[in-house]
Amino acid sequence: MEVIPLSGIYKPRIGDIVIGYVVDIGLTGWVIDIKSPYPAYLPVQEATLKPIDLTTVDLKSLLGIGDIVLARIIDFNLTKDYPVTLTLKEARLGRIEGGTLVEIDASKVARVIGRRGSMVGIFTEELGCDVTVGQNGRVWIRCRDPRDESFVARVIKLIERESHTSGLTDRVRSIVTQYKANKAGTKG
């Protein structure tokens, strides 16, 4: 029997992809809120592939307070002031622009992704949406038709609420199919 927690805090792990908000700018990097009890730090050398001269570059010109980033955890060490260290130096990582951001309980991340990506795959296949689920419970939605983003956000919140029920993937597929049919009907 599999036990699915109904709620829980996000516990960072090396390798996790997370979505965070820049909350402070230091001398050598940024403090990032990753929805965890442990503060995260993005050092300047992990923010860009190009070398940066800290004596001439204002870090605010790269990332400002309130900016949102998609990052990977590369270190987790409780003896440091900032136990979590992040990087943006990989494909698909970096500042997030556009789209819709949804917050869910971190314990529901696996259910929102679905077995082998089946749940997020529905949004990609049926609506052409790119849904990126951070392990910390933040979900970034980008759709070809921006009106689809609020629909997908509502469905993701439904998945979060109904995560303990069986047959959820089929129900979500049915909801998305109905939405598409209604949308096509209003165009005609």
N, C-alpha and C. Protein backbone atom coordinates (compact mmCIF):
# COMPACT_ATOMS: atom_id res chain seq x y z
N MET A 1 0.84 -1.19 0.00
CA MET A 1 0.00 0.00 0.00
C MET A 1 0.88 1.25 0.00
N GLU A 2 0.51 2.23 -0.80
CA GLU A 2 1.26 3.48 -0.88
C GLU A 2 0.57 4.51 0.00
N VAL A 3 1.36 5.24 0.78
CA VAL A 3 0.82 6.30 1.63
C VAL A 3 1.09 7.62 0.94
N ILE A 4 0.04 8.40 0.71
CA ILE A 4 0.17 9.71 0.09
C ILE A 4 -0.12 10.77 1.15
N PRO A 5 0.90 11.58 1.53
CA PRO A 5 0.65 12.60 2.54
C PRO A 5 -0.33 13.65 2.03
N LEU A 6 -1.17 14.15 2.94
CA LEU A 6 -2.14 15.16 2.54
C LEU A 6 -1.53 16.57 2.55
N SER A 7 -0.46 16.76 3.33
CA SER A 7 0.23 18.05 3.31
C SER A 7 1.62 17.86 3.90
N GLY A 8 2.46 18.85 3.67
CA GLY A 8 3.81 18.78 4.21
C GLY A 8 4.65 19.94 3.71
N ILE A 9 5.77 20.19 4.41
CA ILE A 9 6.66 21.26 3.98
C ILE A 9 7.65 20.71 2.97
N TYR A 10 8.22 21.59 2.19
CA TYR A 10 9.21 21.18 1.20
C TYR A 10 10.57 21.02 1.87
N LYS A 11 11.14 19.84 1.72
CA LYS A 11 12.49 19.56 2.23
C LYS A 11 13.43 19.48 1.03
N PRO A 12 14.35 20.44 0.90
CA PRO A 12 15.23 20.49 -0.28
C PRO A 12 16.12 19.26 -0.40
N ARG A 13 16.36 18.86 -1.66
CA ARG A 13 17.29 17.77 -1.96
C ARG A 13 18.14 18.19 -3.15
N ILE A 14 19.41 17.81 -3.11
CA ILE A 14 20.31 18.11 -4.22
C ILE A 14 19.73 17.48 -5.49
N GLY A 15 19.70 18.28 -6.56
CA GLY A 15 19.17 17.81 -7.84
C GLY A 15 17.75 18.27 -8.10
N ASP A 16 17.03 18.69 -7.06
CA ASP A 16 15.64 19.15 -7.25
C ASP A 16 15.59 20.40 -8.12
N ILE A 17 14.57 20.46 -8.98
CA ILE A 17 14.25 21.67 -9.73
C ILE A 17 13.22 22.43 -8.89
N VAL A 18 13.49 23.71 -8.63
CA VAL A 18 12.60 24.53 -7.81
C VAL A 18 12.30 25.85 -8.50
N ILE A 19 11.19 26.45 -8.11
CA ILE A 19 10.82 27.78 -8.60
C ILE A 19 10.86 28.69 -7.39
N GLY A 20 11.63 29.79 -7.49
CA GLY A 20 11.79 30.67 -6.34
C GLY A 20 11.69 32.14 -6.71
N TYR A 21 11.47 32.95 -5.66
CA TYR A 21 11.40 34.40 -5.80
C TYR A 21 12.67 35.02 -5.24
N VAL A 22 13.23 35.99 -5.94
CA VAL A 22 14.36 36.75 -5.41
C VAL A 22 13.82 37.65 -4.30
N VAL A 23 14.37 37.47 -3.08
CA VAL A 23 13.89 38.27 -1.94
C VAL A 23 14.94 39.24 -1.41
N ASP A 24 16.21 39.03 -1.81
CA ASP A 24 17.26 39.95 -1.37
C ASP A 24 18.44 39.82 -2.32
N ILE A 25 19.22 40.90 -2.40
CA ILE A 25 20.40 40.90 -3.24
C ILE A 25 21.59 41.19 -2.34
N GLY A 26 22.56 40.26 -2.37
CA GLY A 26 23.77 40.43 -1.56
C GLY A 26 24.91 40.95 -2.41
N LEU A 27 26.12 40.90 -1.85
CA LEU A 27 27.29 41.38 -2.58
C LEU A 27 27.72 40.42 -3.67
N THR A 28 27.46 39.11 -3.47
CA THR A 28 27.96 38.10 -4.42
C THR A 28 26.86 37.19 -4.96
N GLY A 29 25.60 37.58 -4.75
CA GLY A 29 24.51 36.75 -5.25
C GLY A 29 23.16 37.16 -4.69
N TRP A 30 22.18 36.28 -4.83
CA TRP A 30 20.80 36.57 -4.49
C TRP A 30 20.26 35.57 -3.47
N VAL A 31 19.41 36.05 -2.58
CA VAL A 31 18.68 35.18 -1.65
C VAL A 31 17.35 34.85 -2.34
N ILE A 32 17.03 33.56 -2.39
CA ILE A 32 15.86 33.09 -3.12
C ILE A 32 14.91 32.38 -2.15
N ASP A 33 13.62 32.77 -2.19
CA ASP A 33 12.60 32.07 -1.40
C ASP A 33 12.14 30.86 -2.21
N ILE A 34 12.43 29.66 -1.69
CA ILE A 34 12.03 28.44 -2.39
C ILE A 34 10.91 27.71 -1.64
N LYS A 35 10.18 28.44 -0.77
CA LYS A 35 9.05 27.84 -0.06
C LYS A 35 9.51 26.68 0.83
N SER A 36 10.61 26.94 1.54
CA SER A 36 11.22 25.93 2.40
C SER A 36 11.65 26.61 3.70
N PRO A 37 11.80 25.85 4.79
CA PRO A 37 12.30 26.46 6.02
C PRO A 37 13.77 26.91 5.90
N TYR A 38 14.46 26.46 4.84
CA TYR A 38 15.87 26.78 4.67
C TYR A 38 16.06 27.81 3.57
N PRO A 39 16.79 28.91 3.87
CA PRO A 39 17.01 29.92 2.84
C PRO A 39 17.91 29.38 1.72
N ALA A 40 17.67 29.87 0.51
CA ALA A 40 18.46 29.45 -0.65
C ALA A 40 19.27 30.63 -1.15
N TYR A 41 20.45 30.31 -1.69
CA TYR A 41 21.34 31.34 -2.21
C TYR A 41 21.72 30.98 -3.64
N LEU A 42 21.69 31.98 -4.49
CA LEU A 42 22.13 31.84 -5.88
C LEU A 42 23.39 32.69 -6.05
N PRO A 43 24.58 32.05 -5.99
CA PRO A 43 25.81 32.83 -6.17
C PRO A 43 25.92 33.33 -7.61
N VAL A 44 26.54 34.48 -7.78
CA VAL A 44 26.63 35.09 -9.10
C VAL A 44 27.28 34.14 -10.11
N GLN A 45 28.27 33.34 -9.69
CA GLN A 45 28.93 32.44 -10.64
C GLN A 45 28.02 31.30 -11.08
N GLU A 46 26.88 31.08 -10.39
CA GLU A 46 25.91 30.05 -10.80
C GLU A 46 24.72 30.66 -11.56
N ALA A 47 24.75 31.98 -11.75
CA ALA A 47 23.60 32.65 -12.38
C ALA A 47 23.79 32.84 -13.89
N THR A 48 25.02 32.80 -14.34
CA THR A 48 25.26 33.08 -15.75
C THR A 48 26.48 32.30 -16.23
N LEU A 49 26.52 31.99 -17.50
CA LEU A 49 27.66 31.29 -18.08
C LEU A 49 28.85 32.22 -18.28
N LYS A 50 28.57 33.54 -18.38
CA LYS A 50 29.64 34.51 -18.58
C LYS A 50 30.25 34.90 -17.23
N PRO A 51 31.58 35.10 -17.18
CA PRO A 51 32.18 35.59 -15.93
C PRO A 51 31.69 37.02 -15.65
N ILE A 52 31.46 37.32 -14.39
CA ILE A 52 30.93 38.64 -14.01
C ILE A 52 31.96 39.33 -13.11
N ASP A 53 32.24 40.58 -13.41
CA ASP A 53 33.13 41.37 -12.57
C ASP A 53 32.25 42.11 -11.55
N LEU A 54 32.30 41.64 -10.30
CA LEU A 54 31.43 42.21 -9.27
C LEU A 54 31.76 43.67 -8.96
N THR A 55 32.92 44.15 -9.39
CA THR A 55 33.26 45.56 -9.12
C THR A 55 32.58 46.50 -10.11
N THR A 56 32.14 45.95 -11.27
CA THR A 56 31.55 46.83 -12.28
C THR A 56 30.08 46.51 -12.59
N VAL A 57 29.60 45.33 -12.20
CA VAL A 57 28.24 44.94 -12.55
C VAL A 57 27.32 45.07 -11.34
N ASP A 58 26.19 45.75 -11.54
CA ASP A 58 25.17 45.83 -10.51
C ASP A 58 24.30 44.57 -10.61
N LEU A 59 24.28 43.76 -9.56
CA LEU A 59 23.53 42.50 -9.62
C LEU A 59 22.05 42.71 -9.93
N LYS A 60 21.51 43.89 -9.57
CA LYS A 60 20.10 44.19 -9.85
C LYS A 60 19.83 44.19 -11.35
N SER A 61 20.88 44.43 -12.15
CA SER A 61 20.69 44.44 -13.61
C SER A 61 20.49 43.02 -14.15
N LEU A 62 20.91 42.01 -13.38
CA LEU A 62 20.73 40.61 -13.80
C LEU A 62 19.43 40.03 -13.25
N LEU A 63 19.22 40.17 -11.95
CA LEU A 63 18.00 39.70 -11.28
C LEU A 63 17.62 40.71 -10.21
N GLY A 64 16.35 41.11 -10.20
CA GLY A 64 15.88 42.07 -9.21
C GLY A 64 14.98 41.41 -8.18
N ILE A 65 14.74 42.11 -7.10
CA ILE A 65 13.83 41.60 -6.07
C ILE A 65 12.45 41.41 -6.69
N GLY A 66 11.86 40.24 -6.44
CA GLY A 66 10.55 39.92 -7.01
C GLY A 66 10.65 39.08 -8.28
N ASP A 67 11.83 39.04 -8.91
CA ASP A 67 11.98 38.18 -10.09
C ASP A 67 11.80 36.73 -9.68
N ILE A 68 11.35 35.93 -10.62
CA ILE A 68 11.10 34.50 -10.37
C ILE A 68 12.10 33.70 -11.19
N VAL A 69 12.69 32.67 -10.56
CA VAL A 69 13.67 31.86 -11.26
C VAL A 69 13.31 30.37 -11.18
N LEU A 70 13.68 29.67 -12.24
CA LEU A 70 13.61 28.21 -12.27
C LEU A 70 15.06 27.76 -12.08
N ALA A 71 15.32 27.03 -10.98
CA ALA A 71 16.70 26.71 -10.60
C ALA A 71 16.81 25.24 -10.18
N ARG A 72 18.06 24.78 -10.10
CA ARG A 72 18.35 23.43 -9.60
C ARG A 72 19.16 23.58 -8.31
N ILE A 73 18.87 22.73 -7.33
CA ILE A 73 19.63 22.72 -6.08
C ILE A 73 20.93 21.94 -6.32
N ILE A 74 22.06 22.60 -6.05
CA ILE A 74 23.35 21.92 -6.26
C ILE A 74 24.05 21.62 -4.95
N ASP A 75 23.57 22.20 -3.83
CA ASP A 75 24.17 21.91 -2.54
C ASP A 75 23.14 22.13 -1.44
N PHE A 76 23.23 21.31 -0.40
CA PHE A 76 22.37 21.47 0.77
C PHE A 76 23.22 21.14 1.98
N ASN A 77 23.56 22.18 2.76
CA ASN A 77 24.48 22.02 3.87
C ASN A 77 23.98 22.88 5.03
N LEU A 78 23.49 22.24 6.08
CA LEU A 78 22.89 22.95 7.21
C LEU A 78 23.88 23.77 8.02
N THR A 79 25.20 23.61 7.78
CA THR A 79 26.18 24.39 8.55
C THR A 79 26.38 25.79 7.98
N LYS A 80 25.83 26.06 6.80
CA LYS A 80 26.00 27.37 6.16
C LYS A 80 24.86 28.32 6.53
N ASP A 81 25.12 29.64 6.40
CA ASP A 81 24.07 30.64 6.63
C ASP A 81 22.90 30.43 5.67
N TYR A 82 23.23 30.10 4.43
CA TYR A 82 22.22 29.77 3.42
C TYR A 82 22.43 28.31 3.06
N PRO A 83 21.67 27.40 3.70
CA PRO A 83 21.92 25.96 3.52
C PRO A 83 21.74 25.46 2.09
N VAL A 84 20.90 26.11 1.30
CA VAL A 84 20.60 25.64 -0.05
C VAL A 84 21.33 26.52 -1.06
N THR A 85 22.09 25.89 -1.97
CA THR A 85 22.76 26.62 -3.05
C THR A 85 22.11 26.23 -4.37
N LEU A 86 21.83 27.25 -5.19
CA LEU A 86 21.12 27.04 -6.46
C LEU A 86 22.03 27.34 -7.66
N THR A 87 21.63 26.81 -8.81
CA THR A 87 22.28 27.16 -10.08
C THR A 87 21.20 27.42 -11.14
N LEU A 88 21.57 28.28 -12.09
CA LEU A 88 20.73 28.51 -13.28
C LEU A 88 21.46 28.06 -14.54
N LYS A 89 22.66 27.48 -14.38
CA LYS A 89 23.53 27.18 -15.52
C LYS A 89 23.21 25.85 -16.18
N GLU A 90 21.97 25.66 -16.57
CA GLU A 90 21.55 24.48 -17.33
C GLU A 90 20.45 24.91 -18.29
N ALA A 91 20.25 24.10 -19.32
CA ALA A 91 19.18 24.39 -20.27
C ALA A 91 17.84 24.47 -19.53
N ARG A 92 16.98 25.35 -19.94
CA ARG A 92 15.63 25.57 -19.40
C ARG A 92 15.61 26.32 -18.08
N LEU A 93 16.75 26.46 -17.40
CA LEU A 93 16.76 27.18 -16.13
C LEU A 93 17.00 28.66 -16.38
N GLY A 94 16.59 29.49 -15.41
CA GLY A 94 16.81 30.93 -15.53
C GLY A 94 15.61 31.70 -15.04
N ARG A 95 15.60 32.99 -15.40
CA ARG A 95 14.49 33.84 -14.99
C ARG A 95 13.23 33.43 -15.75
N ILE A 96 12.13 33.40 -15.02
CA ILE A 96 10.83 33.05 -15.60
C ILE A 96 10.14 34.34 -16.01
N GLU A 97 9.70 34.38 -17.25
CA GLU A 97 8.97 35.54 -17.74
C GLU A 97 7.70 35.07 -18.42
N GLY A 98 6.61 35.73 -18.15
CA GLY A 98 5.33 35.37 -18.73
C GLY A 98 4.74 34.14 -18.06
N GLY A 99 3.59 33.74 -18.52
CA GLY A 99 2.94 32.56 -17.97
C GLY A 99 2.23 32.85 -16.67
N THR A 100 1.81 31.79 -16.02
CA THR A 100 1.05 31.85 -14.77
C THR A 100 1.74 30.95 -13.76
N LEU A 101 1.83 31.44 -12.53
CA LEU A 101 2.45 30.66 -11.46
C LEU A 101 1.37 30.24 -10.47
N VAL A 102 1.38 28.96 -10.10
CA VAL A 102 0.41 28.41 -9.15
C VAL A 102 1.19 27.77 -8.01
N GLU A 103 0.70 27.93 -6.78
CA GLU A 103 1.34 27.29 -5.64
C GLU A 103 0.47 26.14 -5.17
N ILE A 104 1.11 24.98 -4.94
CA ILE A 104 0.42 23.82 -4.40
C ILE A 104 1.23 23.31 -3.21
N ASP A 105 0.64 22.43 -2.43
CA ASP A 105 1.36 21.81 -1.33
C ASP A 105 2.46 20.92 -1.92
N ALA A 106 3.67 21.03 -1.37
CA ALA A 106 4.82 20.28 -1.90
C ALA A 106 4.56 18.77 -1.90
N SER A 107 3.72 18.30 -0.98
CA SER A 107 3.45 16.85 -0.93
C SER A 107 2.59 16.38 -2.10
N LYS A 108 2.01 17.30 -2.86
CA LYS A 108 1.14 16.94 -4.00
C LYS A 108 1.85 16.99 -5.34
N VAL A 109 3.14 17.35 -5.33
CA VAL A 109 3.89 17.51 -6.58
C VAL A 109 3.83 16.24 -7.44
N ALA A 110 4.08 15.08 -6.84
CA ALA A 110 4.10 13.83 -7.62
C ALA A 110 2.74 13.58 -8.27
N ARG A 111 1.65 13.93 -7.58
CA ARG A 111 0.31 13.70 -8.13
C ARG A 111 0.03 14.65 -9.29
N VAL A 112 0.51 15.88 -9.18
CA VAL A 112 0.31 16.85 -10.27
C VAL A 112 1.12 16.43 -11.49
N ILE A 113 2.32 15.90 -11.29
CA ILE A 113 3.13 15.43 -12.42
C ILE A 113 2.50 14.18 -13.03
N GLY A 114 2.04 13.27 -12.17
CA GLY A 114 1.43 12.03 -12.64
C GLY A 114 2.48 10.96 -12.90
N ARG A 115 2.02 9.74 -12.99
CA ARG A 115 2.93 8.62 -13.26
C ARG A 115 3.58 8.81 -14.62
N ARG A 116 4.90 8.84 -14.64
CA ARG A 116 5.68 9.07 -15.88
C ARG A 116 5.21 10.33 -16.62
N GLY A 117 4.82 11.35 -15.87
CA GLY A 117 4.44 12.63 -16.48
C GLY A 117 3.07 12.64 -17.12
N SER A 118 2.22 11.66 -16.77
CA SER A 118 0.93 11.53 -17.44
C SER A 118 0.02 12.73 -17.23
N MET A 119 0.02 13.31 -16.02
CA MET A 119 -0.91 14.41 -15.73
C MET A 119 -0.50 15.68 -16.48
N VAL A 120 0.78 16.10 -16.35
CA VAL A 120 1.20 17.30 -17.08
C VAL A 120 1.18 17.06 -18.58
N GLY A 121 1.35 15.80 -18.99
CA GLY A 121 1.30 15.46 -20.41
C GLY A 121 -0.04 15.77 -21.04
N ILE A 122 -1.11 15.66 -20.25
CA ILE A 122 -2.45 15.97 -20.77
C ILE A 122 -2.50 17.43 -21.22
N PHE A 123 -1.93 18.34 -20.42
CA PHE A 123 -1.97 19.78 -20.75
C PHE A 123 -1.10 20.06 -21.98
N THR A 124 0.01 19.35 -22.12
CA THR A 124 0.89 19.54 -23.27
C THR A 124 0.21 19.02 -24.54
N GLU A 125 -0.29 17.78 -24.48
CA GLU A 125 -0.88 17.15 -25.67
C GLU A 125 -2.17 17.83 -26.10
N GLU A 126 -3.04 18.12 -25.16
CA GLU A 126 -4.38 18.62 -25.50
C GLU A 126 -4.44 20.13 -25.73
N LEU A 127 -3.61 20.90 -24.99
CA LEU A 127 -3.73 22.36 -25.05
C LEU A 127 -2.46 23.05 -25.52
N GLY A 128 -1.38 22.30 -25.72
CA GLY A 128 -0.13 22.93 -26.13
C GLY A 128 0.48 23.78 -25.03
N CYS A 129 0.27 23.38 -23.78
CA CYS A 129 0.80 24.13 -22.65
C CYS A 129 2.07 23.48 -22.13
N ASP A 130 3.00 24.30 -21.71
CA ASP A 130 4.22 23.82 -21.06
C ASP A 130 3.99 24.01 -19.56
N VAL A 131 3.94 22.92 -18.82
CA VAL A 131 3.71 22.97 -17.37
C VAL A 131 4.97 22.46 -16.68
N THR A 132 5.63 23.35 -15.94
CA THR A 132 6.85 23.00 -15.22
C THR A 132 6.52 22.96 -13.74
N VAL A 133 6.70 21.79 -13.13
CA VAL A 133 6.36 21.60 -11.72
C VAL A 133 7.65 21.57 -10.91
N GLY A 134 7.84 22.58 -10.06
CA GLY A 134 8.99 22.60 -9.17
C GLY A 134 8.74 21.64 -8.01
N GLN A 135 9.80 20.97 -7.55
CA GLN A 135 9.65 20.04 -6.43
C GLN A 135 9.18 20.75 -5.16
N ASN A 136 9.30 22.08 -5.13
CA ASN A 136 8.91 22.85 -3.95
C ASN A 136 7.44 23.29 -3.98
N GLY A 137 6.67 22.79 -4.96
CA GLY A 137 5.24 23.08 -4.95
C GLY A 137 4.83 24.34 -5.71
N ARG A 138 5.71 24.85 -6.53
CA ARG A 138 5.33 25.97 -7.40
C ARG A 138 5.29 25.44 -8.82
N VAL A 139 4.23 25.82 -9.55
CA VAL A 139 3.99 25.31 -10.89
C VAL A 139 3.91 26.48 -11.86
N TRP A 140 4.71 26.43 -12.92
CA TRP A 140 4.74 27.48 -13.94
C TRP A 140 4.03 26.96 -15.18
N ILE A 141 3.04 27.72 -15.63
CA ILE A 141 2.21 27.32 -16.77
C ILE A 141 2.39 28.35 -17.89
N ARG A 142 2.75 27.86 -19.08
CA ARG A 142 2.81 28.72 -20.26
C ARG A 142 2.05 28.02 -21.37
N CYS A 143 1.07 28.72 -21.94
CA CYS A 143 0.26 28.14 -23.01
C CYS A 143 0.35 29.02 -24.26
N ARG A 144 0.16 28.37 -25.41
CA ARG A 144 0.12 29.15 -26.67
C ARG A 144 -1.00 30.17 -26.60
N ASP A 145 -2.16 29.77 -26.08
CA ASP A 145 -3.28 30.68 -25.87
C ASP A 145 -3.28 31.06 -24.38
N PRO A 146 -2.91 32.30 -24.05
CA PRO A 146 -2.81 32.70 -22.64
C PRO A 146 -4.12 32.49 -21.85
N ARG A 147 -5.26 32.45 -22.54
CA ARG A 147 -6.53 32.21 -21.82
C ARG A 147 -6.58 30.81 -21.24
N ASP A 148 -5.81 29.88 -21.83
CA ASP A 148 -5.79 28.52 -21.31
C ASP A 148 -5.07 28.42 -19.97
N GLU A 149 -4.20 29.39 -19.67
CA GLU A 149 -3.40 29.32 -18.44
C GLU A 149 -4.26 29.32 -17.18
N SER A 150 -5.30 30.16 -17.14
CA SER A 150 -6.14 30.20 -15.93
C SER A 150 -6.94 28.90 -15.80
N PHE A 151 -7.35 28.32 -16.93
CA PHE A 151 -8.04 27.02 -16.89
C PHE A 151 -7.11 25.95 -16.33
N VAL A 152 -5.89 25.87 -16.85
CA VAL A 152 -4.93 24.87 -16.39
C VAL A 152 -4.63 25.09 -14.90
N ALA A 153 -4.49 26.34 -14.48
CA ALA A 153 -4.24 26.64 -13.07
C ALA A 153 -5.38 26.11 -12.20
N ARG A 154 -6.62 26.29 -12.64
CA ARG A 154 -7.77 25.78 -11.87
C ARG A 154 -7.75 24.26 -11.80
N VAL A 155 -7.40 23.61 -12.91
CA VAL A 155 -7.35 22.14 -12.93
C VAL A 155 -6.22 21.63 -12.01
N ILE A 156 -5.10 22.33 -12.00
CA ILE A 156 -4.00 21.93 -11.10
C ILE A 156 -4.44 22.05 -9.64
N LYS A 157 -5.17 23.09 -9.30
CA LYS A 157 -5.68 23.23 -7.93
C LYS A 157 -6.68 22.10 -7.63
N LEU A 158 -7.46 21.68 -8.63
CA LEU A 158 -8.38 20.54 -8.46
C LEU A 158 -7.58 19.27 -8.19
N ILE A 159 -6.50 19.05 -8.94
CA ILE A 159 -5.66 17.88 -8.72
C ILE A 159 -5.11 17.90 -7.29
N GLU A 160 -4.68 19.07 -6.85
CA GLU A 160 -4.17 19.20 -5.47
C GLU A 160 -5.24 18.80 -4.45
N ARG A 161 -6.45 19.32 -4.63
CA ARG A 161 -7.56 19.02 -3.69
C ARG A 161 -7.98 17.56 -3.73
N GLU A 162 -7.99 16.98 -4.93
CA GLU A 162 -8.52 15.63 -5.12
C GLU A 162 -7.41 14.57 -5.24
N SER A 163 -6.20 14.91 -4.82
CA SER A 163 -5.04 14.03 -5.06
C SER A 163 -5.20 12.64 -4.44
N HIS A 164 -6.03 12.53 -3.43
CA HIS A 164 -6.19 11.25 -2.74
C HIS A 164 -7.22 10.34 -3.42
N THR A 165 -7.88 10.82 -4.47
CA THR A 165 -8.94 10.03 -5.10
C THR A 165 -8.40 9.21 -6.26
N SER A 166 -9.04 8.09 -6.53
CA SER A 166 -8.60 7.25 -7.65
C SER A 166 -9.32 7.69 -8.93
N GLY A 167 -8.73 7.35 -10.07
CA GLY A 167 -9.33 7.72 -11.36
C GLY A 167 -9.16 9.18 -11.71
N LEU A 168 -8.27 9.87 -11.01
CA LEU A 168 -8.13 11.32 -11.20
C LEU A 168 -7.58 11.67 -12.58
N THR A 169 -6.62 10.90 -13.09
CA THR A 169 -6.05 11.21 -14.41
C THR A 169 -7.14 11.15 -15.48
N ASP A 170 -8.01 10.14 -15.42
CA ASP A 170 -9.11 10.03 -16.40
C ASP A 170 -10.08 11.20 -16.26
N ARG A 171 -10.37 11.60 -15.01
CA ARG A 171 -11.27 12.74 -14.79
C ARG A 171 -10.67 14.02 -15.35
N VAL A 172 -9.37 14.23 -15.12
CA VAL A 172 -8.71 15.43 -15.63
C VAL A 172 -8.73 15.43 -17.16
N ARG A 173 -8.43 14.28 -17.77
CA ARG A 173 -8.46 14.19 -19.24
C ARG A 173 -9.86 14.55 -19.75
N SER A 174 -10.89 14.07 -19.07
CA SER A 174 -12.28 14.36 -19.46
C SER A 174 -12.59 15.86 -19.32
N ILE A 175 -12.13 16.47 -18.22
CA ILE A 175 -12.36 17.92 -17.99
C ILE A 175 -11.69 18.73 -19.10
N VAL A 176 -10.46 18.35 -19.46
CA VAL A 176 -9.72 19.08 -20.50
C VAL A 176 -10.39 18.89 -21.86
N THR A 177 -10.84 17.67 -22.16
CA THR A 177 -11.53 17.40 -23.41
C THR A 177 -12.81 18.24 -23.51
N GLN A 178 -13.57 18.31 -22.42
CA GLN A 178 -14.80 19.11 -22.38
C GLN A 178 -14.48 20.60 -22.60
N TYR A 179 -13.43 21.06 -21.94
CA TYR A 179 -13.00 22.47 -22.08
C TYR A 179 -12.68 22.77 -23.55
N LYS A 180 -11.90 21.87 -24.19
CA LYS A 180 -11.56 22.05 -25.61
C LYS A 180 -12.79 22.09 -26.49
N ALA A 181 -13.73 21.18 -26.21
CA ALA A 181 -14.97 21.12 -27.01
C ALA A 181 -15.77 22.43 -26.85
N ASN A 182 -15.89 22.90 -25.62
CA ASN A 182 -16.61 24.16 -25.36
C ASN A 182 -15.91 25.34 -26.04
N LYS A 183 -14.60 25.36 -25.99
CA LYS A 183 -13.82 26.43 -26.60
C LYS A 183 -14.00 26.40 -28.12
N ALA A 184 -13.95 25.20 -28.71
CA ALA A 184 -14.15 25.08 -30.16
C ALA A 184 -15.57 25.50 -30.55
N GLY A 185 -16.54 25.17 -29.69
CA GLY A 185 -17.93 25.51 -29.96
C GLY A 185 -18.18 27.00 -29.93
N THR A 186 -17.45 27.75 -29.08
CA THR A 186 -17.66 29.18 -29.01
C THR A 186 -17.00 29.92 -30.16
N LYS A 187 -16.03 29.28 -30.81
CA LYS A 187 -15.36 29.91 -31.96
C LYS A 187 -16.27 29.86 -33.19
N GLY A 188 -17.09 28.79 -33.28
CA GLY A 188 -17.91 28.58 -34.48
C GLY A 188 -19.02 29.53 -34.52
